[in-house]
N, C-alpha and C. Protein backbone atom coordinates (compact mmCIF):
# COMPACT_ATOMS: atom_id res chain seq x y z
N MET A 1 49.14 -4.32 -20.30
CA MET A 1 49.43 -3.44 -19.21
C MET A 1 48.89 -4.03 -17.92
N LYS A 2 49.73 -4.01 -16.92
CA LYS A 2 49.37 -4.59 -15.64
C LYS A 2 49.11 -3.45 -14.65
N ILE A 3 47.97 -3.58 -13.93
CA ILE A 3 47.61 -2.58 -12.91
C ILE A 3 48.11 -3.10 -11.56
N ASN A 4 48.89 -2.27 -10.88
CA ASN A 4 49.34 -2.71 -9.57
C ASN A 4 48.26 -2.47 -8.53
N TRP A 5 48.48 -2.99 -7.34
CA TRP A 5 47.44 -2.95 -6.32
C TRP A 5 47.12 -1.53 -5.85
N GLY A 6 48.00 -0.59 -5.93
CA GLY A 6 47.73 0.80 -5.55
C GLY A 6 46.70 1.45 -6.46
N TRP A 7 46.87 1.22 -7.78
CA TRP A 7 45.89 1.74 -8.73
C TRP A 7 44.53 1.03 -8.56
N GLY A 8 44.54 -0.22 -8.25
CA GLY A 8 43.30 -0.98 -8.04
C GLY A 8 42.50 -0.41 -6.87
N ILE A 9 43.19 -0.13 -5.77
CA ILE A 9 42.52 0.45 -4.60
C ILE A 9 41.97 1.84 -4.94
N ALA A 10 42.75 2.64 -5.66
CA ALA A 10 42.31 3.99 -6.03
C ALA A 10 41.09 3.93 -6.94
N ILE A 11 41.07 3.01 -7.89
CA ILE A 11 39.91 2.87 -8.78
C ILE A 11 38.70 2.39 -7.99
N PHE A 12 38.89 1.43 -7.09
CA PHE A 12 37.79 0.92 -6.27
C PHE A 12 37.18 2.04 -5.44
N TYR A 13 37.97 2.82 -4.73
CA TYR A 13 37.45 3.90 -3.91
C TYR A 13 36.80 4.99 -4.75
N SER A 14 37.33 5.27 -5.91
CA SER A 14 36.72 6.27 -6.80
C SER A 14 35.34 5.83 -7.25
N VAL A 15 35.21 4.56 -7.64
CA VAL A 15 33.91 4.02 -8.06
C VAL A 15 32.94 4.02 -6.88
N PHE A 16 33.41 3.67 -5.70
CA PHE A 16 32.57 3.65 -4.50
C PHE A 16 32.04 5.05 -4.19
N VAL A 17 32.89 6.05 -4.19
CA VAL A 17 32.48 7.43 -3.90
C VAL A 17 31.52 7.93 -4.97
N LEU A 18 31.77 7.63 -6.23
CA LEU A 18 30.88 8.04 -7.30
C LEU A 18 29.50 7.39 -7.13
N ALA A 19 29.46 6.11 -6.82
CA ALA A 19 28.19 5.41 -6.61
C ALA A 19 27.45 6.01 -5.41
N PHE A 20 28.18 6.32 -4.34
CA PHE A 20 27.57 6.91 -3.15
C PHE A 20 26.95 8.27 -3.49
N ILE A 21 27.65 9.08 -4.25
CA ILE A 21 27.13 10.40 -4.63
C ILE A 21 25.90 10.26 -5.52
N LEU A 22 25.89 9.31 -6.43
CA LEU A 22 24.73 9.09 -7.29
C LEU A 22 23.52 8.63 -6.48
N VAL A 23 23.72 7.74 -5.53
CA VAL A 23 22.62 7.29 -4.68
C VAL A 23 22.09 8.45 -3.84
N LEU A 24 22.95 9.28 -3.33
CA LEU A 24 22.55 10.44 -2.54
C LEU A 24 21.72 11.41 -3.38
N ILE A 25 22.16 11.69 -4.59
CA ILE A 25 21.41 12.59 -5.47
C ILE A 25 20.05 12.00 -5.81
N PHE A 26 20.02 10.71 -6.10
CA PHE A 26 18.76 10.04 -6.42
C PHE A 26 17.80 10.07 -5.23
N SER A 27 18.28 9.82 -4.02
CA SER A 27 17.41 9.78 -2.84
C SER A 27 16.87 11.16 -2.49
N LEU A 28 17.62 12.23 -2.75
CA LEU A 28 17.12 13.57 -2.47
C LEU A 28 16.00 13.97 -3.43
N GLY A 29 15.95 13.35 -4.58
CA GLY A 29 14.92 13.65 -5.56
C GLY A 29 13.63 12.88 -5.35
N GLN A 30 13.58 11.96 -4.42
CA GLN A 30 12.40 11.14 -4.20
C GLN A 30 11.34 11.89 -3.42
N ASP A 31 10.07 11.60 -3.74
CA ASP A 31 8.93 12.20 -3.05
C ASP A 31 8.65 11.38 -1.79
N ASN A 32 8.64 12.02 -0.64
CA ASN A 32 8.37 11.33 0.62
C ASN A 32 7.04 11.77 1.21
N SER A 33 6.05 12.03 0.36
CA SER A 33 4.77 12.54 0.83
C SER A 33 3.91 11.47 1.49
N LEU A 34 4.31 10.22 1.49
CA LEU A 34 3.53 9.20 2.16
C LEU A 34 3.66 9.28 3.68
N VAL A 35 4.62 10.03 4.15
CA VAL A 35 4.84 10.17 5.58
C VAL A 35 3.89 11.23 6.12
N THR A 36 3.24 10.93 7.23
CA THR A 36 2.34 11.89 7.86
C THR A 36 3.14 13.06 8.41
N GLU A 37 2.64 14.27 8.18
CA GLU A 37 3.38 15.44 8.64
C GLU A 37 3.47 15.50 10.17
N ASN A 38 2.37 15.25 10.83
CA ASN A 38 2.33 15.30 12.30
C ASN A 38 2.29 13.87 12.83
N TYR A 39 3.36 13.15 12.63
CA TYR A 39 3.38 11.73 12.96
C TYR A 39 3.12 11.47 14.44
N TYR A 40 3.77 12.19 15.33
CA TYR A 40 3.63 11.92 16.76
C TYR A 40 2.24 12.26 17.27
N GLU A 41 1.66 13.35 16.81
CA GLU A 41 0.30 13.70 17.22
C GLU A 41 -0.70 12.66 16.70
N THR A 42 -0.47 12.21 15.48
CA THR A 42 -1.34 11.18 14.91
C THR A 42 -1.23 9.88 15.69
N ASP A 43 -0.03 9.53 16.09
CA ASP A 43 0.17 8.30 16.86
C ASP A 43 -0.49 8.38 18.23
N LEU A 44 -0.42 9.53 18.86
CA LEU A 44 -1.05 9.70 20.18
C LEU A 44 -2.57 9.63 20.09
N ALA A 45 -3.14 10.05 18.97
CA ALA A 45 -4.60 10.05 18.80
C ALA A 45 -5.10 8.74 18.21
N TYR A 46 -4.29 7.71 18.18
CA TYR A 46 -4.69 6.46 17.54
C TYR A 46 -5.84 5.77 18.27
N GLN A 47 -5.87 5.85 19.59
CA GLN A 47 -6.97 5.22 20.34
C GLN A 47 -8.31 5.86 19.99
N GLU A 48 -8.31 7.17 19.81
CA GLU A 48 -9.53 7.85 19.38
C GLU A 48 -9.98 7.32 18.02
N HIS A 49 -9.02 7.13 17.12
CA HIS A 49 -9.32 6.60 15.80
C HIS A 49 -9.93 5.20 15.89
N LYS A 50 -9.36 4.35 16.74
CA LYS A 50 -9.89 3.00 16.93
C LYS A 50 -11.32 3.05 17.46
N ASP A 51 -11.61 3.99 18.36
CA ASP A 51 -12.96 4.14 18.90
C ASP A 51 -13.95 4.55 17.81
N LYS A 52 -13.52 5.44 16.91
CA LYS A 52 -14.38 5.87 15.80
C LYS A 52 -14.70 4.71 14.87
N VAL A 53 -13.68 3.89 14.58
CA VAL A 53 -13.89 2.72 13.72
C VAL A 53 -14.81 1.72 14.42
N ALA A 54 -14.63 1.53 15.72
CA ALA A 54 -15.49 0.62 16.48
C ALA A 54 -16.94 1.12 16.48
N ASN A 55 -17.14 2.43 16.60
CA ASN A 55 -18.49 2.98 16.55
C ASN A 55 -19.14 2.66 15.21
N TYR A 56 -18.37 2.74 14.13
CA TYR A 56 -18.92 2.43 12.82
C TYR A 56 -19.27 0.95 12.69
N THR A 57 -18.42 0.09 13.19
CA THR A 57 -18.69 -1.35 13.05
C THR A 57 -19.91 -1.78 13.86
N ARG A 58 -20.26 -1.03 14.90
CA ARG A 58 -21.43 -1.35 15.72
C ARG A 58 -22.75 -0.91 15.07
N LEU A 59 -22.68 -0.12 14.03
CA LEU A 59 -23.90 0.34 13.38
C LEU A 59 -24.64 -0.83 12.73
N THR A 60 -25.94 -0.84 12.85
CA THR A 60 -26.72 -1.89 12.20
C THR A 60 -26.89 -1.59 10.71
N GLU A 61 -27.07 -0.32 10.39
CA GLU A 61 -27.17 0.10 8.99
C GLU A 61 -25.93 0.89 8.64
N LYS A 62 -25.20 0.46 7.64
CA LYS A 62 -23.91 1.06 7.27
C LYS A 62 -24.10 2.16 6.23
N VAL A 63 -23.05 2.94 6.05
CA VAL A 63 -23.03 3.97 5.01
C VAL A 63 -22.83 3.27 3.66
N GLU A 64 -23.67 3.63 2.69
CA GLU A 64 -23.56 3.06 1.36
C GLU A 64 -22.84 4.06 0.47
N GLU A 65 -21.85 3.56 -0.29
CA GLU A 65 -21.06 4.40 -1.17
C GLU A 65 -21.12 3.83 -2.58
N SER A 66 -21.10 4.72 -3.56
CA SER A 66 -21.04 4.26 -4.94
C SER A 66 -20.40 5.34 -5.80
N TYR A 67 -19.73 4.88 -6.84
CA TYR A 67 -19.08 5.78 -7.80
C TYR A 67 -19.79 5.67 -9.13
N ALA A 68 -20.24 6.80 -9.66
CA ALA A 68 -20.89 6.83 -10.97
C ALA A 68 -19.89 7.38 -11.98
N GLY A 69 -19.40 6.50 -12.83
CA GLY A 69 -18.38 6.89 -13.81
C GLY A 69 -18.90 7.81 -14.88
N ASP A 70 -20.19 7.66 -15.24
CA ASP A 70 -20.73 8.51 -16.31
C ASP A 70 -20.85 9.96 -15.89
N THR A 71 -21.18 10.22 -14.63
CA THR A 71 -21.28 11.61 -14.14
C THR A 71 -20.05 12.02 -13.32
N ARG A 72 -19.11 11.08 -13.14
CA ARG A 72 -17.91 11.31 -12.32
C ARG A 72 -18.29 11.93 -10.98
N SER A 73 -19.14 11.18 -10.27
CA SER A 73 -19.57 11.62 -8.95
C SER A 73 -19.52 10.45 -7.98
N TYR A 74 -19.40 10.79 -6.71
CA TYR A 74 -19.31 9.80 -5.64
C TYR A 74 -20.51 10.04 -4.71
N GLN A 75 -21.35 9.02 -4.55
CA GLN A 75 -22.56 9.17 -3.75
C GLN A 75 -22.39 8.50 -2.40
N LEU A 76 -22.84 9.19 -1.37
CA LEU A 76 -22.86 8.65 -0.01
C LEU A 76 -24.30 8.62 0.47
N GLN A 77 -24.70 7.51 1.05
CA GLN A 77 -26.03 7.40 1.65
C GLN A 77 -25.84 7.02 3.11
N PHE A 78 -26.12 7.96 4.00
CA PHE A 78 -25.98 7.72 5.43
C PHE A 78 -27.23 7.04 5.97
N PRO A 79 -27.13 6.30 7.08
CA PRO A 79 -28.31 5.63 7.65
C PRO A 79 -29.42 6.62 7.99
N ALA A 80 -30.66 6.17 7.86
CA ALA A 80 -31.82 7.04 8.06
C ALA A 80 -31.93 7.53 9.49
N GLU A 81 -31.47 6.72 10.46
CA GLU A 81 -31.62 7.13 11.87
C GLU A 81 -30.63 8.21 12.29
N MET A 82 -29.65 8.50 11.47
CA MET A 82 -28.67 9.54 11.81
C MET A 82 -29.23 10.91 11.48
N THR A 83 -29.07 11.82 12.43
CA THR A 83 -29.53 13.19 12.22
C THR A 83 -28.39 14.14 12.53
N ASP A 84 -28.47 15.33 11.98
CA ASP A 84 -27.50 16.39 12.24
C ASP A 84 -26.06 15.89 12.00
N ILE A 85 -25.82 15.42 10.79
CA ILE A 85 -24.52 14.85 10.42
C ILE A 85 -23.55 15.97 10.04
N THR A 86 -22.39 15.97 10.69
CA THR A 86 -21.32 16.89 10.33
C THR A 86 -20.04 16.08 10.18
N GLY A 87 -19.16 16.53 9.32
CA GLY A 87 -17.90 15.81 9.15
C GLY A 87 -17.23 16.17 7.85
N GLU A 88 -16.39 15.24 7.39
CA GLU A 88 -15.58 15.51 6.22
C GLU A 88 -15.28 14.22 5.47
N VAL A 89 -15.22 14.32 4.14
CA VAL A 89 -14.81 13.22 3.28
C VAL A 89 -13.45 13.60 2.73
N HIS A 90 -12.47 12.70 2.92
CA HIS A 90 -11.10 12.97 2.49
C HIS A 90 -10.75 11.96 1.41
N PHE A 91 -10.48 12.46 0.21
CA PHE A 91 -10.00 11.62 -0.88
C PHE A 91 -8.48 11.68 -0.83
N TYR A 92 -7.88 10.59 -0.38
CA TYR A 92 -6.44 10.52 -0.13
C TYR A 92 -5.76 9.78 -1.27
N ARG A 93 -4.77 10.41 -1.88
CA ARG A 93 -4.02 9.79 -2.97
C ARG A 93 -2.71 9.25 -2.39
N PRO A 94 -2.54 7.92 -2.27
CA PRO A 94 -1.34 7.36 -1.67
C PRO A 94 -0.05 7.73 -2.39
N SER A 95 -0.12 7.96 -3.69
CA SER A 95 1.11 8.22 -4.44
C SER A 95 1.54 9.68 -4.42
N SER A 96 0.66 10.60 -4.02
CA SER A 96 1.02 12.01 -4.04
C SER A 96 0.09 12.80 -3.12
N ALA A 97 0.65 13.35 -2.05
CA ALA A 97 -0.14 14.06 -1.05
C ALA A 97 -0.73 15.36 -1.58
N HIS A 98 -0.10 15.99 -2.56
CA HIS A 98 -0.63 17.27 -3.04
C HIS A 98 -1.90 17.12 -3.89
N LEU A 99 -2.29 15.89 -4.20
CA LEU A 99 -3.53 15.65 -4.94
C LEU A 99 -4.72 15.38 -4.02
N ASP A 100 -4.50 15.34 -2.71
CA ASP A 100 -5.59 15.06 -1.77
C ASP A 100 -6.71 16.08 -1.93
N TYR A 101 -7.94 15.63 -1.63
CA TYR A 101 -9.13 16.43 -1.85
C TYR A 101 -10.06 16.23 -0.66
N ARG A 102 -10.48 17.31 -0.03
CA ARG A 102 -11.36 17.24 1.13
C ARG A 102 -12.68 17.95 0.83
N VAL A 103 -13.77 17.32 1.29
CA VAL A 103 -15.11 17.87 1.07
C VAL A 103 -15.88 17.78 2.39
N PRO A 104 -16.50 18.88 2.84
CA PRO A 104 -17.33 18.79 4.04
C PRO A 104 -18.61 18.01 3.75
N ILE A 105 -19.10 17.32 4.75
CA ILE A 105 -20.33 16.55 4.58
C ILE A 105 -21.52 17.49 4.72
N GLN A 106 -22.36 17.50 3.68
CA GLN A 106 -23.58 18.30 3.65
C GLN A 106 -24.67 17.43 3.03
N THR A 107 -25.41 16.75 3.86
CA THR A 107 -26.43 15.82 3.36
C THR A 107 -27.72 16.56 3.03
N ASP A 108 -28.49 15.94 2.14
CA ASP A 108 -29.81 16.49 1.83
C ASP A 108 -30.85 15.90 2.79
N ALA A 109 -32.12 16.08 2.51
CA ALA A 109 -33.19 15.62 3.39
C ALA A 109 -33.21 14.10 3.53
N SER A 110 -32.71 13.38 2.54
CA SER A 110 -32.71 11.91 2.60
C SER A 110 -31.37 11.35 3.08
N ASN A 111 -30.57 12.17 3.74
CA ASN A 111 -29.25 11.77 4.26
C ASN A 111 -28.31 11.29 3.15
N GLN A 112 -28.41 11.90 2.00
CA GLN A 112 -27.56 11.53 0.87
C GLN A 112 -26.70 12.74 0.47
N GLN A 113 -25.51 12.45 -0.02
CA GLN A 113 -24.64 13.49 -0.55
C GLN A 113 -24.00 13.00 -1.83
N VAL A 114 -24.00 13.87 -2.83
CA VAL A 114 -23.36 13.57 -4.11
C VAL A 114 -22.16 14.50 -4.22
N ILE A 115 -20.97 13.92 -4.38
CA ILE A 115 -19.73 14.69 -4.45
C ILE A 115 -19.19 14.59 -5.86
N PRO A 116 -19.06 15.73 -6.56
CA PRO A 116 -18.44 15.67 -7.89
C PRO A 116 -16.93 15.44 -7.75
N VAL A 117 -16.43 14.48 -8.51
CA VAL A 117 -15.01 14.12 -8.42
C VAL A 117 -14.32 14.24 -9.77
N GLU A 118 -14.78 15.17 -10.60
CA GLU A 118 -14.16 15.31 -11.93
C GLU A 118 -12.73 15.79 -11.85
N LYS A 119 -12.33 16.44 -10.76
CA LYS A 119 -10.95 16.91 -10.66
C LYS A 119 -9.98 15.83 -10.16
N LEU A 120 -10.50 14.67 -9.76
CA LEU A 120 -9.64 13.58 -9.31
C LEU A 120 -9.05 12.86 -10.52
N ARG A 121 -7.77 12.60 -10.48
CA ARG A 121 -7.10 11.88 -11.56
C ARG A 121 -7.44 10.39 -11.50
N SER A 122 -7.23 9.73 -12.62
CA SER A 122 -7.43 8.28 -12.67
C SER A 122 -6.42 7.60 -11.76
N GLY A 123 -6.83 6.49 -11.16
CA GLY A 123 -5.94 5.73 -10.30
C GLY A 123 -6.60 5.37 -8.99
N GLN A 124 -5.79 4.96 -8.05
CA GLN A 124 -6.28 4.51 -6.75
C GLN A 124 -6.38 5.67 -5.78
N TRP A 125 -7.51 5.71 -5.06
CA TRP A 125 -7.76 6.70 -4.02
C TRP A 125 -8.25 5.97 -2.78
N ILE A 126 -7.92 6.52 -1.62
CA ILE A 126 -8.46 6.03 -0.36
C ILE A 126 -9.48 7.07 0.10
N VAL A 127 -10.72 6.64 0.28
CA VAL A 127 -11.78 7.54 0.71
C VAL A 127 -11.96 7.36 2.22
N GLN A 128 -11.68 8.42 2.97
CA GLN A 128 -11.80 8.39 4.43
C GLN A 128 -12.96 9.30 4.82
N ILE A 129 -13.97 8.70 5.44
CA ILE A 129 -15.16 9.45 5.85
C ILE A 129 -15.16 9.51 7.37
N GLU A 130 -15.15 10.72 7.92
CA GLU A 130 -15.23 10.90 9.36
C GLU A 130 -16.39 11.85 9.63
N TRP A 131 -17.34 11.39 10.45
CA TRP A 131 -18.51 12.21 10.71
C TRP A 131 -18.98 12.02 12.15
N THR A 132 -19.79 12.99 12.58
CA THR A 132 -20.37 12.98 13.93
C THR A 132 -21.88 13.06 13.78
N SER A 133 -22.56 12.23 14.56
CA SER A 133 -24.01 12.25 14.58
C SER A 133 -24.47 11.74 15.94
N GLY A 134 -25.36 12.47 16.57
CA GLY A 134 -25.89 12.04 17.87
C GLY A 134 -24.83 11.97 18.95
N GLY A 135 -23.83 12.82 18.89
CA GLY A 135 -22.79 12.83 19.92
C GLY A 135 -21.71 11.78 19.75
N ARG A 136 -21.81 10.97 18.73
CA ARG A 136 -20.80 9.94 18.46
C ARG A 136 -20.07 10.25 17.17
N THR A 137 -18.77 9.90 17.16
CA THR A 137 -17.96 10.12 15.97
C THR A 137 -17.68 8.78 15.31
N TYR A 138 -17.77 8.75 13.98
CA TYR A 138 -17.60 7.53 13.21
C TYR A 138 -16.50 7.73 12.17
N PHE A 139 -15.91 6.61 11.74
CA PHE A 139 -14.88 6.65 10.71
C PHE A 139 -15.00 5.43 9.83
N LYS A 140 -14.94 5.67 8.52
CA LYS A 140 -14.96 4.58 7.55
C LYS A 140 -13.94 4.88 6.47
N GLU A 141 -13.23 3.85 6.03
CA GLU A 141 -12.22 4.00 4.99
C GLU A 141 -12.45 2.94 3.93
N THR A 142 -12.50 3.37 2.68
CA THR A 142 -12.65 2.44 1.56
C THR A 142 -11.70 2.82 0.45
N ARG A 143 -11.53 1.91 -0.47
CA ARG A 143 -10.64 2.11 -1.62
C ARG A 143 -11.50 2.40 -2.84
N LEU A 144 -11.08 3.38 -3.61
CA LEU A 144 -11.78 3.75 -4.83
C LEU A 144 -10.77 3.77 -5.98
N VAL A 145 -11.11 3.11 -7.07
CA VAL A 145 -10.25 3.12 -8.25
C VAL A 145 -11.03 3.83 -9.35
N ILE A 146 -10.47 4.95 -9.79
CA ILE A 146 -11.10 5.72 -10.87
C ILE A 146 -10.41 5.34 -12.18
N PRO A 147 -11.19 4.83 -13.13
CA PRO A 147 -10.59 4.40 -14.40
C PRO A 147 -10.15 5.59 -15.25
């Protein structure tokens, strides 16, 4: 059986439309949570963010972080010269925004905070620490992999 050119064009366009519909259905099902919700406001505040990072890099004594797998806790040790620390620790999950976890900074007398992270799933997390001390705001970002 021989297919003439009219049937060939009809089959080609039918396959094209079917493929287009399948790609459209697939793309609507994708999670786009990696996009910042307030993109323009975040972009406008970028210089402030750079200043916070610069303030942190100028510190002589840095914030020490450690993850204890046996107790599933994350320890922060702020520099001794910092007083009246306020801020927030944001555990950011790059693969899914609804898993993000925020904790206010509440240090003890030795400028240390222990954060229980048993509710965090295994995988990669970005830990973003933003705090204010002595009228200056600081920002530090590190990567944490929970086994």
